[in-house]
Amino acid sequence: DNDGLEVETFHGKKINTANKHGTGCTYASAIAACLAKGYNLRKAVAIA
């Protein structure tokens, strides 16, 4: 932004499980799906 960096934090808690294979793929794909549906990036990240 005009003053340097703008940051928005999306809060979450760690989930105690070994079943996290594909988490990064899923998260990024969910963001893309939400962008495809017309959401702005912040809303897309929140939904994803």
ModelCIF file with pLDDT and N, C-alpha, C, O atoms, coordinates in Angstrom:
data_MODEL
#
_entry.id   MODEL 
#
_entity.id                         1 
_entity.type                       polymer 
_entity.pdbx_number_of_molecules   1 
#
_entity_poly.entity_id                      1 
_entity_poly.type                           'polypeptide(L)' 
_entity_poly.nstd_linkage                   no 
_entity_poly.nstd_monomer                   no 
_entity_poly.pdbx_seq_one_letter_code       DNDGLEVETFHGKKINTANKHGTGCTYASAIAACLAKGYNLRKAVAIA 
_entity_poly.pdbx_seq_one_letter_code_can   DNDGLEVETFHGKKINTANKHGTGCTYASAIAACLAKGYNLRKAVAIA 
_entity_poly.pdbx_strand_id                 A 
#
loop_
_entity_poly_seq.entity_id 
_entity_poly_seq.num 
_entity_poly_seq.mon_id 
_entity_poly_seq.hetero 
1 1  ASP n 
1 2  ASN n 
1 3  ASP n 
1 4  GLY n 
1 5  LEU n 
1 6  GLU n 
1 7  VAL n 
1 8  GLU n 
1 9  THR n 
1 10 PHE n 
1 11 HIS n 
1 12 GLY n 
1 13 LYS n 
1 14 LYS n 
1 15 ILE n 
1 16 ASN n 
1 17 THR n 
1 18 ALA n 
1 19 ASN n 
1 20 LYS n 
1 21 HIS n 
1 22 GLY n 
1 23 THR n 
1 24 GLY n 
1 25 CYS n 
1 26 THR n 
1 27 TYR n 
1 28 ALA n 
1 29 SER n 
1 30 ALA n 
1 31 ILE n 
1 32 ALA n 
1 33 ALA n 
1 34 CYS n 
1 35 LEU n 
1 36 ALA n 
1 37 LYS n 
1 38 GLY n 
1 39 TYR n 
1 40 ASN n 
1 41 LEU n 
1 42 ARG n 
1 43 LYS n 
1 44 ALA n 
1 45 VAL n 
1 46 ALA n 
1 47 ILE n 
1 48 ALA n 
#
_struct_asym.id          A 
_struct_asym.entity_id   1 
#
loop_
_ma_qa_metric.id 
_ma_qa_metric.mode 
_ma_qa_metric.name 
_ma_qa_metric.software_group_id 
_ma_qa_metric.type 
1 global pLDDT . pLDDT 
2 local  pLDDT . pLDDT 
#
_ma_qa_metric_global.metric_id      1 
_ma_qa_metric_global.metric_value   94.60 
_ma_qa_metric_global.model_id       1 
_ma_qa_metric_global.ordinal_id     1 
#
loop_
_ma_qa_metric_local.label_asym_id 
_ma_qa_metric_local.label_comp_id 
_ma_qa_metric_local.label_seq_id 
_ma_qa_metric_local.metric_id 
_ma_qa_metric_local.metric_value 
_ma_qa_metric_local.model_id 
_ma_qa_metric_local.ordinal_id 
A ASP 1  2 83.00 1 1  
A ASN 2  2 76.00 1 2  
A ASP 3  2 74.00 1 3  
A GLY 4  2 83.00 1 4  
A LEU 5  2 90.00 1 5  
A GLU 6  2 94.00 1 6  
A VAL 7  2 95.00 1 7  
A GLU 8  2 96.00 1 8  
A THR 9  2 96.00 1 9  
A PHE 10 2 97.00 1 10 
A HIS 11 2 94.00 1 11 
A GLY 12 2 92.00 1 12 
A LYS 13 2 92.00 1 13 
A LYS 14 2 92.00 1 14 
A ILE 15 2 92.00 1 15 
A ASN 16 2 93.00 1 16 
A THR 17 2 94.00 1 17 
A ALA 18 2 94.00 1 18 
A ASN 19 2 96.00 1 19 
A LYS 20 2 94.00 1 20 
A HIS 21 2 94.00 1 21 
A GLY 22 2 94.00 1 22 
A THR 23 2 95.00 1 23 
A GLY 24 2 95.00 1 24 
A CYS 25 2 96.00 1 25 
A THR 26 2 98.00 1 26 
A TYR 27 2 98.00 1 27 
A ALA 28 2 98.00 1 28 
A SER 29 2 98.00 1 29 
A ALA 30 2 98.00 1 30 
A ILE 31 2 98.00 1 31 
A ALA 32 2 98.00 1 32 
A ALA 33 2 98.00 1 33 
A CYS 34 2 98.00 1 34 
A LEU 35 2 98.00 1 35 
A ALA 36 2 98.00 1 36 
A LYS 37 2 97.00 1 37 
A GLY 38 2 97.00 1 38 
A TYR 39 2 98.00 1 39 
A ASN 40 2 97.00 1 40 
A LEU 41 2 98.00 1 41 
A ARG 42 2 97.00 1 42 
A LYS 43 2 98.00 1 43 
A ALA 44 2 98.00 1 44 
A VAL 45 2 98.00 1 45 
A ALA 46 2 98.00 1 46 
A ILE 47 2 98.00 1 47 
A ALA 48 2 98.00 1 48 
#
loop_
_atom_site.group_PDB 
_atom_site.id 
_atom_site.type_symbol 
_atom_site.label_atom_id 
_atom_site.label_alt_id 
_atom_site.label_comp_id 
_atom_site.label_asym_id 
_atom_site.label_entity_id 
_atom_site.label_seq_id 
_atom_site.pdbx_PDB_ins_code 
_atom_site.Cartn_x 
_atom_site.Cartn_y 
_atom_site.Cartn_z 
_atom_site.occupancy 
_atom_site.B_iso_or_equiv 
_atom_site.pdbx_formal_charge 
_atom_site.auth_seq_id 
_atom_site.auth_comp_id 
_atom_site.auth_asym_id 
_atom_site.auth_atom_id 
_atom_site.pdbx_PDB_model_num 
ATOM 1   N N  . ASP A 1 1  ? 0.855   -1.175  0.000   1.00 83.00 ? 1  ASP A N  1 
ATOM 2   C CA . ASP A 1 1  ? 0.000   0.000   0.000   1.00 83.00 ? 1  ASP A CA 1 
ATOM 3   C C  . ASP A 1 1  ? 0.898   1.235   0.000   1.00 83.00 ? 1  ASP A C  1 
ATOM 4   O O  . ASP A 1 1  ? 2.121   1.115   -0.071  1.00 83.00 ? 1  ASP A O  1 
ATOM 5   N N  . ASN A 1 2  ? 0.300   2.406   0.078   1.00 76.00 ? 2  ASN A N  1 
ATOM 6   C CA . ASN A 1 2  ? 1.072   3.646   -0.058  1.00 76.00 ? 2  ASN A CA 1 
ATOM 7   C C  . ASN A 1 2  ? 2.097   3.821   1.053   1.00 76.00 ? 2  ASN A C  1 
ATOM 8   O O  . ASN A 1 2  ? 3.110   4.495   0.863   1.00 76.00 ? 2  ASN A O  1 
ATOM 9   N N  . ASP A 1 3  ? 1.845   3.224   2.203   1.00 74.00 ? 3  ASP A N  1 
ATOM 10  C CA . ASP A 1 3  ? 2.732   3.395   3.352   1.00 74.00 ? 3  ASP A CA 1 
ATOM 11  C C  . ASP A 1 3  ? 3.697   2.228   3.550   1.00 74.00 ? 3  ASP A C  1 
ATOM 12  O O  . ASP A 1 3  ? 4.440   2.197   4.531   1.00 74.00 ? 3  ASP A O  1 
ATOM 13  N N  . GLY A 1 4  ? 3.687   1.273   2.626   1.00 83.00 ? 4  GLY A N  1 
ATOM 14  C CA . GLY A 1 4  ? 4.562   0.116   2.783   1.00 83.00 ? 4  GLY A CA 1 
ATOM 15  C C  . GLY A 1 4  ? 3.794   -1.173  2.611   1.00 83.00 ? 4  GLY A C  1 
ATOM 16  O O  . GLY A 1 4  ? 3.251   -1.442  1.539   1.00 83.00 ? 4  GLY A O  1 
ATOM 17  N N  . LEU A 1 5  ? 3.746   -1.977  3.668   1.00 90.00 ? 5  LEU A N  1 
ATOM 18  C CA . LEU A 1 5  ? 3.057   -3.259  3.609   1.00 90.00 ? 5  LEU A CA 1 
ATOM 19  C C  . LEU A 1 5  ? 1.726   -3.199  4.344   1.00 90.00 ? 5  LEU A C  1 
ATOM 20  O O  . LEU A 1 5  ? 1.622   -2.639  5.435   1.00 90.00 ? 5  LEU A O  1 
ATOM 21  N N  . GLU A 1 6  ? 0.716   -3.789  3.722   1.00 94.00 ? 6  GLU A N  1 
ATOM 22  C CA . GLU A 1 6  ? -0.574  -3.994  4.382   1.00 94.00 ? 6  GLU A CA 1 
ATOM 23  C C  . GLU A 1 6  ? -0.708  -5.480  4.666   1.00 94.00 ? 6  GLU A C  1 
ATOM 24  O O  . GLU A 1 6  ? -0.405  -6.304  3.802   1.00 94.00 ? 6  GLU A O  1 
ATOM 25  N N  . VAL A 1 7  ? -1.158  -5.836  5.864   1.00 95.00 ? 7  VAL A N  1 
ATOM 26  C CA . VAL A 1 7  ? -1.287  -7.246  6.212   1.00 95.00 ? 7  VAL A CA 1 
ATOM 27  C C  . VAL A 1 7  ? -2.636  -7.499  6.862   1.00 95.00 ? 7  VAL A C  1 
ATOM 28  O O  . VAL A 1 7  ? -3.114  -6.702  7.669   1.00 95.00 ? 7  VAL A O  1 
ATOM 29  N N  . GLU A 1 8  ? -3.235  -8.615  6.500   1.00 96.00 ? 8  GLU A N  1 
ATOM 30  C CA . GLU A 1 8  ? -4.468  -9.066  7.148   1.00 96.00 ? 8  GLU A CA 1 
ATOM 31  C C  . GLU A 1 8  ? -4.234  -10.472 7.666   1.00 96.00 ? 8  GLU A C  1 
ATOM 32  O O  . GLU A 1 8  ? -3.724  -11.330 6.946   1.00 96.00 ? 8  GLU A O  1 
ATOM 33  N N  . THR A 1 9  ? -4.610  -10.707 8.923   1.00 96.00 ? 9  THR A N  1 
ATOM 34  C CA . THR A 1 9  ? -4.388  -12.002 9.562   1.00 96.00 ? 9  THR A CA 1 
ATOM 35  C C  . THR A 1 9  ? -5.666  -12.828 9.544   1.00 96.00 ? 9  THR A C  1 
ATOM 36  O O  . THR A 1 9  ? -6.745  -12.341 9.882   1.00 96.00 ? 9  THR A O  1 
ATOM 37  N N  . PHE A 1 10 ? -5.525  -14.079 9.144   1.00 97.00 ? 10 PHE A N  1 
ATOM 38  C CA . PHE A 1 10 ? -6.635  -15.026 9.164   1.00 97.00 ? 10 PHE A CA 1 
ATOM 39  C C  . PHE A 1 10 ? -6.325  -16.054 10.250  1.00 97.00 ? 10 PHE A C  1 
ATOM 40  O O  . PHE A 1 10 ? -5.407  -16.863 10.117  1.00 97.00 ? 10 PHE A O  1 
ATOM 41  N N  . HIS A 1 11 ? -7.103  -16.005 11.315  1.00 94.00 ? 11 HIS A N  1 
ATOM 42  C CA . HIS A 1 11 ? -6.789  -16.774 12.515  1.00 94.00 ? 11 HIS A CA 1 
ATOM 43  C C  . HIS A 1 11 ? -7.268  -18.223 12.412  1.00 94.00 ? 11 HIS A C  1 
ATOM 44  O O  . HIS A 1 11 ? -8.284  -18.521 11.783  1.00 94.00 ? 11 HIS A O  1 
ATOM 45  N N  . GLY A 1 12 ? -6.517  -19.100 13.039  1.00 92.00 ? 12 GLY A N  1 
ATOM 46  C CA . GLY A 1 12 ? -6.894  -20.504 13.090  1.00 92.00 ? 12 GLY A CA 1 
ATOM 47  C C  . GLY A 1 12 ? -6.137  -21.222 14.197  1.00 92.00 ? 12 GLY A C  1 
ATOM 48  O O  . GLY A 1 12 ? -5.157  -20.702 14.730  1.00 92.00 ? 12 GLY A O  1 
ATOM 49  N N  . LYS A 1 13 ? -6.594  -22.408 14.535  1.00 92.00 ? 13 LYS A N  1 
ATOM 50  C CA . LYS A 1 13 ? -5.947  -23.248 15.533  1.00 92.00 ? 13 LYS A CA 1 
ATOM 51  C C  . LYS A 1 13 ? -5.442  -24.527 14.873  1.00 92.00 ? 13 LYS A C  1 
ATOM 52  O O  . LYS A 1 13 ? -6.074  -25.046 13.952  1.00 92.00 ? 13 LYS A O  1 
ATOM 53  N N  . LYS A 1 14 ? -4.308  -25.030 15.342  1.00 92.00 ? 14 LYS A N  1 
ATOM 54  C CA . LYS A 1 14 ? -3.780  -26.271 14.811  1.00 92.00 ? 14 LYS A CA 1 
ATOM 55  C C  . LYS A 1 14 ? -4.693  -27.439 15.179  1.00 92.00 ? 14 LYS A C  1 
ATOM 56  O O  . LYS A 1 14 ? -5.247  -27.496 16.277  1.00 92.00 ? 14 LYS A O  1 
ATOM 57  N N  . ILE A 1 15 ? -4.833  -28.355 14.246  1.00 92.00 ? 15 ILE A N  1 
ATOM 58  C CA . ILE A 1 15 ? -5.675  -29.527 14.440  1.00 92.00 ? 15 ILE A CA 1 
ATOM 59  C C  . ILE A 1 15 ? -4.752  -30.738 14.598  1.00 92.00 ? 15 ILE A C  1 
ATOM 60  O O  . ILE A 1 15 ? -3.911  -30.997 13.737  1.00 92.00 ? 15 ILE A O  1 
ATOM 61  N N  . ASN A 1 16 ? -4.908  -31.460 15.676  1.00 93.00 ? 16 ASN A N  1 
ATOM 62  C CA . ASN A 1 16 ? -4.002  -32.559 16.004  1.00 93.00 ? 16 ASN A CA 1 
ATOM 63  C C  . ASN A 1 16 ? -4.379  -33.814 15.218  1.00 93.00 ? 16 ASN A C  1 
ATOM 64  O O  . ASN A 1 16 ? -5.173  -34.637 15.675  1.00 93.00 ? 16 ASN A O  1 
ATOM 65  N N  . THR A 1 17 ? -3.797  -33.939 14.034  1.00 94.00 ? 17 THR A N  1 
ATOM 66  C CA . THR A 1 17 ? -4.016  -35.110 13.195  1.00 94.00 ? 17 THR A CA 1 
ATOM 67  C C  . THR A 1 17 ? -2.857  -35.249 12.218  1.00 94.00 ? 17 THR A C  1 
ATOM 68  O O  . THR A 1 17 ? -2.240  -34.259 11.824  1.00 94.00 ? 17 THR A O  1 
ATOM 69  N N  . ALA A 1 18 ? -2.570  -36.483 11.833  1.00 94.00 ? 18 ALA A N  1 
ATOM 70  C CA . ALA A 1 18 ? -1.566  -36.725 10.792  1.00 94.00 ? 18 ALA A CA 1 
ATOM 71  C C  . ALA A 1 18 ? -2.165  -36.621 9.399   1.00 94.00 ? 18 ALA A C  1 
ATOM 72  O O  . ALA A 1 18 ? -1.440  -36.639 8.404   1.00 94.00 ? 18 ALA A O  1 
ATOM 73  N N  . ASN A 1 19 ? -3.489  -36.513 9.325   1.00 96.00 ? 19 ASN A N  1 
ATOM 74  C CA . ASN A 1 19 ? -4.176  -36.515 8.031   1.00 96.00 ? 19 ASN A CA 1 
ATOM 75  C C  . ASN A 1 19 ? -4.245  -35.109 7.436   1.00 96.00 ? 19 ASN A C  1 
ATOM 76  O O  . ASN A 1 19 ? -5.298  -34.472 7.405   1.00 96.00 ? 19 ASN A O  1 
ATOM 77  N N  . LYS A 1 20 ? -3.094  -34.653 6.969   1.00 94.00 ? 20 LYS A N  1 
ATOM 78  C CA . LYS A 1 20 ? -3.014  -33.311 6.377   1.00 94.00 ? 20 LYS A CA 1 
ATOM 79  C C  . LYS A 1 20 ? -2.370  -33.332 4.994   1.00 94.00 ? 20 LYS A C  1 
ATOM 80  O O  . LYS A 1 20 ? -1.956  -32.294 4.478   1.00 94.00 ? 20 LYS A O  1 
ATOM 81  N N  . HIS A 1 21 ? -2.290  -34.512 4.403   1.00 94.00 ? 21 HIS A N  1 
ATOM 82  C CA . HIS A 1 21 ? -1.729  -34.629 3.060   1.00 94.00 ? 21 HIS A CA 1 
ATOM 83  C C  . HIS A 1 21 ? -2.615  -33.874 2.068   1.00 94.00 ? 21 HIS A C  1 
ATOM 84  O O  . HIS A 1 21 ? -3.821  -34.112 2.004   1.00 94.00 ? 21 HIS A O  1 
ATOM 85  N N  . GLY A 1 22 ? -2.024  -32.976 1.304   1.00 94.00 ? 22 GLY A N  1 
ATOM 86  C CA . GLY A 1 22 ? -2.781  -32.213 0.322   1.00 94.00 ? 22 GLY A CA 1 
ATOM 87  C C  . GLY A 1 22 ? -3.404  -30.936 0.847   1.00 94.00 ? 22 GLY A C  1 
ATOM 88  O O  . GLY A 1 22 ? -4.190  -30.296 0.149   1.00 94.00 ? 22 GLY A O  1 
ATOM 89  N N  . THR A 1 23 ? -3.061  -30.557 2.071   1.00 95.00 ? 23 THR A N  1 
ATOM 90  C CA . THR A 1 23 ? -3.663  -29.352 2.660   1.00 95.00 ? 23 THR A CA 1 
ATOM 91  C C  . THR A 1 23 ? -3.340  -28.109 1.845   1.00 95.00 ? 23 THR A C  1 
ATOM 92  O O  . THR A 1 23 ? -4.224  -27.300 1.564   1.00 95.00 ? 23 THR A O  1 
ATOM 93  N N  . GLY A 1 24 ? -2.070  -27.954 1.462   1.00 95.00 ? 24 GLY A N  1 
ATOM 94  C CA . GLY A 1 24 ? -1.687  -26.766 0.699   1.00 95.00 ? 24 GLY A CA 1 
ATOM 95  C C  . GLY A 1 24 ? -2.358  -26.709 -0.653  1.00 95.00 ? 24 GLY A C  1 
ATOM 96  O O  . GLY A 1 24 ? -2.810  -25.647 -1.079  1.00 95.00 ? 24 GLY A O  1 
ATOM 97  N N  . CYS A 1 25 ? -2.428  -27.845 -1.336  1.00 96.00 ? 25 CYS A N  1 
ATOM 98  C CA . CYS A 1 25 ? -3.115  -27.914 -2.632  1.00 96.00 ? 25 CYS A CA 1 
ATOM 99  C C  . CYS A 1 25 ? -4.585  -27.531 -2.476  1.00 96.00 ? 25 CYS A C  1 
ATOM 100 O O  . CYS A 1 25 ? -5.134  -26.763 -3.267  1.00 96.00 ? 25 CYS A O  1 
ATOM 101 N N  . THR A 1 26 ? -5.196  -28.081 -1.449  1.00 98.00 ? 26 THR A N  1 
ATOM 102 C CA . THR A 1 26 ? -6.618  -27.831 -1.204  1.00 98.00 ? 26 THR A CA 1 
ATOM 103 C C  . THR A 1 26 ? -6.886  -26.360 -0.918  1.00 98.00 ? 26 THR A C  1 
ATOM 104 O O  . THR A 1 26 ? -7.826  -25.779 -1.461  1.00 98.00 ? 26 THR A O  1 
ATOM 105 N N  . TYR A 1 27 ? -6.071  -25.764 -0.076  1.00 98.00 ? 27 TYR A N  1 
ATOM 106 C CA . TYR A 1 27 ? -6.232  -24.361 0.305   1.00 98.00 ? 27 TYR A CA 1 
ATOM 107 C C  . TYR A 1 27 ? -6.110  -23.456 -0.921  1.00 98.00 ? 27 TYR A C  1 
ATOM 108 O O  . TYR A 1 27 ? -6.965  -22.601 -1.149  1.00 98.00 ? 27 TYR A O  1 
ATOM 109 N N  . ALA A 1 28 ? -5.053  -23.643 -1.707  1.00 98.00 ? 28 ALA A N  1 
ATOM 110 C CA . ALA A 1 28 ? -4.847  -22.800 -2.882  1.00 98.00 ? 28 ALA A CA 1 
ATOM 111 C C  . ALA A 1 28 ? -5.958  -22.998 -3.909  1.00 98.00 ? 28 ALA A C  1 
ATOM 112 O O  . ALA A 1 28 ? -6.412  -22.034 -4.526  1.00 98.00 ? 28 ALA A O  1 
ATOM 113 N N  . SER A 1 29 ? -6.395  -24.233 -4.093  1.00 98.00 ? 29 SER A N  1 
ATOM 114 C CA . SER A 1 29 ? -7.479  -24.506 -5.035  1.00 98.00 ? 29 SER A CA 1 
ATOM 115 C C  . SER A 1 29 ? -8.795  -23.891 -4.572  1.00 98.00 ? 29 SER A C  1 
ATOM 116 O O  . SER A 1 29 ? -9.588  -23.414 -5.384  1.00 98.00 ? 29 SER A O  1 
ATOM 117 N N  . ALA A 1 30 ? -9.015  -23.906 -3.268  1.00 98.00 ? 30 ALA A N  1 
ATOM 118 C CA . ALA A 1 30 ? -10.227 -23.286 -2.724  1.00 98.00 ? 30 ALA A CA 1 
ATOM 119 C C  . ALA A 1 30 ? -10.214 -21.774 -2.952  1.00 98.00 ? 30 ALA A C  1 
ATOM 120 O O  . ALA A 1 30 ? -11.249 -21.180 -3.256  1.00 98.00 ? 30 ALA A O  1 
ATOM 121 N N  . ILE A 1 31 ? -9.049  -21.158 -2.806  1.00 98.00 ? 31 ILE A N  1 
ATOM 122 C CA . ILE A 1 31 ? -8.933  -19.724 -3.101  1.00 98.00 ? 31 ILE A CA 1 
ATOM 123 C C  . ILE A 1 31 ? -9.263  -19.467 -4.566  1.00 98.00 ? 31 ILE A C  1 
ATOM 124 O O  . ILE A 1 31 ? -10.021 -18.552 -4.887  1.00 98.00 ? 31 ILE A O  1 
ATOM 125 N N  . ALA A 1 32 ? -8.689  -20.283 -5.457  1.00 98.00 ? 32 ALA A N  1 
ATOM 126 C CA . ALA A 1 32 ? -8.950  -20.124 -6.889  1.00 98.00 ? 32 ALA A CA 1 
ATOM 127 C C  . ALA A 1 32 ? -10.432 -20.292 -7.206  1.00 98.00 ? 32 ALA A C  1 
ATOM 128 O O  . ALA A 1 32 ? -10.991 -19.528 -7.994  1.00 98.00 ? 32 ALA A O  1 
ATOM 129 N N  . ALA A 1 33 ? -11.070 -21.287 -6.596  1.00 98.00 ? 33 ALA A N  1 
ATOM 130 C CA . ALA A 1 33 ? -12.491 -21.521 -6.835  1.00 98.00 ? 33 ALA A CA 1 
ATOM 131 C C  . ALA A 1 33 ? -13.321 -20.315 -6.418  1.00 98.00 ? 33 ALA A C  1 
ATOM 132 O O  . ALA A 1 33 ? -14.266 -19.931 -7.107  1.00 98.00 ? 33 ALA A O  1 
ATOM 133 N N  . CYS A 1 34 ? -12.961 -19.726 -5.290  1.00 98.00 ? 34 CYS A N  1 
ATOM 134 C CA . CYS A 1 34 ? -13.706 -18.552 -4.806  1.00 98.00 ? 34 CYS A CA 1 
ATOM 135 C C  . CYS A 1 34 ? -13.460 -17.330 -5.690  1.00 98.00 ? 34 CYS A C  1 
ATOM 136 O O  . CYS A 1 34 ? -14.377 -16.543 -5.923  1.00 98.00 ? 34 CYS A O  1 
ATOM 137 N N  . LEU A 1 35 ? -12.234 -17.165 -6.183  1.00 98.00 ? 35 LEU A N  1 
ATOM 138 C CA . LEU A 1 35 ? -11.957 -16.082 -7.128  1.00 98.00 ? 35 LEU A CA 1 
ATOM 139 C C  . LEU A 1 35 ? -12.744 -16.291 -8.419  1.00 98.00 ? 35 LEU A C  1 
ATOM 140 O O  . LEU A 1 35 ? -13.247 -15.334 -9.008  1.00 98.00 ? 35 LEU A O  1 
ATOM 141 N N  . ALA A 1 36 ? -12.848 -17.537 -8.852  1.00 98.00 ? 36 ALA A N  1 
ATOM 142 C CA . ALA A 1 36 ? -13.615 -17.844 -10.055 1.00 98.00 ? 36 ALA A CA 1 
ATOM 143 C C  . ALA A 1 36 ? -15.079 -17.449 -9.894  1.00 98.00 ? 36 ALA A C  1 
ATOM 144 O O  . ALA A 1 36 ? -15.736 -17.048 -10.855 1.00 98.00 ? 36 ALA A O  1 
ATOM 145 N N  . LYS A 1 37 ? -15.578 -17.569 -8.671  1.00 97.00 ? 37 LYS A N  1 
ATOM 146 C CA . LYS A 1 37 ? -16.977 -17.244 -8.404  1.00 97.00 ? 37 LYS A CA 1 
ATOM 147 C C  . LYS A 1 37 ? -17.203 -15.758 -8.170  1.00 97.00 ? 37 LYS A C  1 
ATOM 148 O O  . LYS A 1 37 ? -18.333 -15.332 -7.929  1.00 97.00 ? 37 LYS A O  1 
ATOM 149 N N  . GLY A 1 38 ? -16.131 -14.960 -8.239  1.00 97.00 ? 38 GLY A N  1 
ATOM 150 C CA . GLY A 1 38 ? -16.284 -13.512 -8.185  1.00 97.00 ? 38 GLY A CA 1 
ATOM 151 C C  . GLY A 1 38 ? -15.992 -12.865 -6.858  1.00 97.00 ? 38 GLY A C  1 
ATOM 152 O O  . GLY A 1 38 ? -16.146 -11.650 -6.733  1.00 97.00 ? 38 GLY A O  1 
ATOM 153 N N  . TYR A 1 39 ? -15.569 -13.632 -5.843  1.00 98.00 ? 39 TYR A N  1 
ATOM 154 C CA . TYR A 1 39 ? -15.218 -13.034 -4.562  1.00 98.00 ? 39 TYR A CA 1 
ATOM 155 C C  . TYR A 1 39 ? -13.896 -12.269 -4.679  1.00 98.00 ? 39 TYR A C  1 
ATOM 156 O O  . TYR A 1 39 ? -13.028 -12.636 -5.471  1.00 98.00 ? 39 TYR A O  1 
ATOM 157 N N  . ASN A 1 40 ? -13.751 -11.201 -3.884  1.00 97.00 ? 40 ASN A N  1 
ATOM 158 C CA . ASN A 1 40 ? -12.456 -10.539 -3.839  1.00 97.00 ? 40 ASN A CA 1 
ATOM 159 C C  . ASN A 1 40 ? -11.475 -11.431 -3.069  1.00 97.00 ? 40 ASN A C  1 
ATOM 160 O O  . ASN A 1 40 ? -11.872 -12.409 -2.436  1.00 97.00 ? 40 ASN A O  1 
ATOM 161 N N  . LEU A 1 41 ? -10.193 -11.074 -3.135  1.00 98.00 ? 41 LEU A N  1 
ATOM 162 C CA . LEU A 1 41 ? -9.170  -11.976 -2.599  1.00 98.00 ? 41 LEU A CA 1 
ATOM 163 C C  . LEU A 1 41 ? -9.331  -12.204 -1.106  1.00 98.00 ? 41 LEU A C  1 
ATOM 164 O O  . LEU A 1 41 ? -9.203  -13.341 -0.653  1.00 98.00 ? 41 LEU A O  1 
ATOM 165 N N  . ARG A 1 42 ? -9.603  -11.183 -0.334  1.00 97.00 ? 42 ARG A N  1 
ATOM 166 C CA . ARG A 1 42 ? -9.728  -11.349 1.113   1.00 97.00 ? 42 ARG A CA 1 
ATOM 167 C C  . ARG A 1 42 ? -10.877 -12.293 1.467   1.00 97.00 ? 42 ARG A C  1 
ATOM 168 O O  . ARG A 1 42 ? -10.737 -13.160 2.331   1.00 97.00 ? 42 ARG A O  1 
ATOM 169 N N  . LYS A 1 43 ? -12.002 -12.118 0.798   1.00 98.00 ? 43 LYS A N  1 
ATOM 170 C CA . LYS A 1 43 ? -13.141 -13.000 1.043   1.00 98.00 ? 43 LYS A CA 1 
ATOM 171 C C  . LYS A 1 43 ? -12.825 -14.415 0.579   1.00 98.00 ? 43 LYS A C  1 
ATOM 172 O O  . LYS A 1 43 ? -13.208 -15.385 1.233   1.00 98.00 ? 43 LYS A O  1 
ATOM 173 N N  . ALA A 1 44 ? -12.126 -14.536 -0.548  1.00 98.00 ? 44 ALA A N  1 
ATOM 174 C CA . ALA A 1 44 ? -11.760 -15.852 -1.069  1.00 98.00 ? 44 ALA A CA 1 
ATOM 175 C C  . ALA A 1 44 ? -10.860 -16.595 -0.085  1.00 98.00 ? 44 ALA A C  1 
ATOM 176 O O  . ALA A 1 44 ? -11.051 -17.789 0.149   1.00 98.00 ? 44 ALA A O  1 
ATOM 177 N N  . VAL A 1 45 ? -9.881  -15.898 0.494   1.00 98.00 ? 45 VAL A N  1 
ATOM 178 C CA . VAL A 1 45 ? -8.986  -16.531 1.464   1.00 98.00 ? 45 VAL A CA 1 
ATOM 179 C C  . VAL A 1 45 ? -9.769  -16.955 2.705   1.00 98.00 ? 45 VAL A C  1 
ATOM 180 O O  . VAL A 1 45 ? -9.554  -18.045 3.234   1.00 98.00 ? 45 VAL A O  1 
ATOM 181 N N  . ALA A 1 46 ? -10.671 -16.100 3.167   1.00 98.00 ? 46 ALA A N  1 
ATOM 182 C CA . ALA A 1 46 ? -11.451 -16.424 4.365   1.00 98.00 ? 46 ALA A CA 1 
ATOM 183 C C  . ALA A 1 46 ? -12.310 -17.673 4.152   1.00 98.00 ? 46 ALA A C  1 
ATOM 184 O O  . ALA A 1 46 ? -12.360 -18.550 5.015   1.00 98.00 ? 46 ALA A O  1 
ATOM 185 N N  . ILE A 1 47 ? -12.980 -17.749 3.007   1.00 98.00 ? 47 ILE A N  1 
ATOM 186 C CA . ILE A 1 47 ? -13.812 -18.920 2.714   1.00 98.00 ? 47 ILE A CA 1 
ATOM 187 C C  . ILE A 1 47 ? -12.940 -20.163 2.560   1.00 98.00 ? 47 ILE A C  1 
ATOM 188 O O  . ILE A 1 47 ? -13.272 -21.233 3.071   1.00 98.00 ? 47 ILE A O  1 
ATOM 189 N N  . ALA A 1 48 ? -11.820 -20.008 1.850   1.00 98.00 ? 48 ALA A N  1 
ATOM 190 C CA . ALA A 1 48 ? -10.930 -21.141 1.604   1.00 98.00 ? 48 ALA A CA 1 
ATOM 191 C C  . ALA A 1 48 ? -10.334 -21.675 2.897   1.00 98.00 ? 48 ALA A C  1 
ATOM 192 O O  . ALA A 1 48 ? -9.559  -22.632 2.871   1.00 98.00 ? 48 ALA A O  1 
#
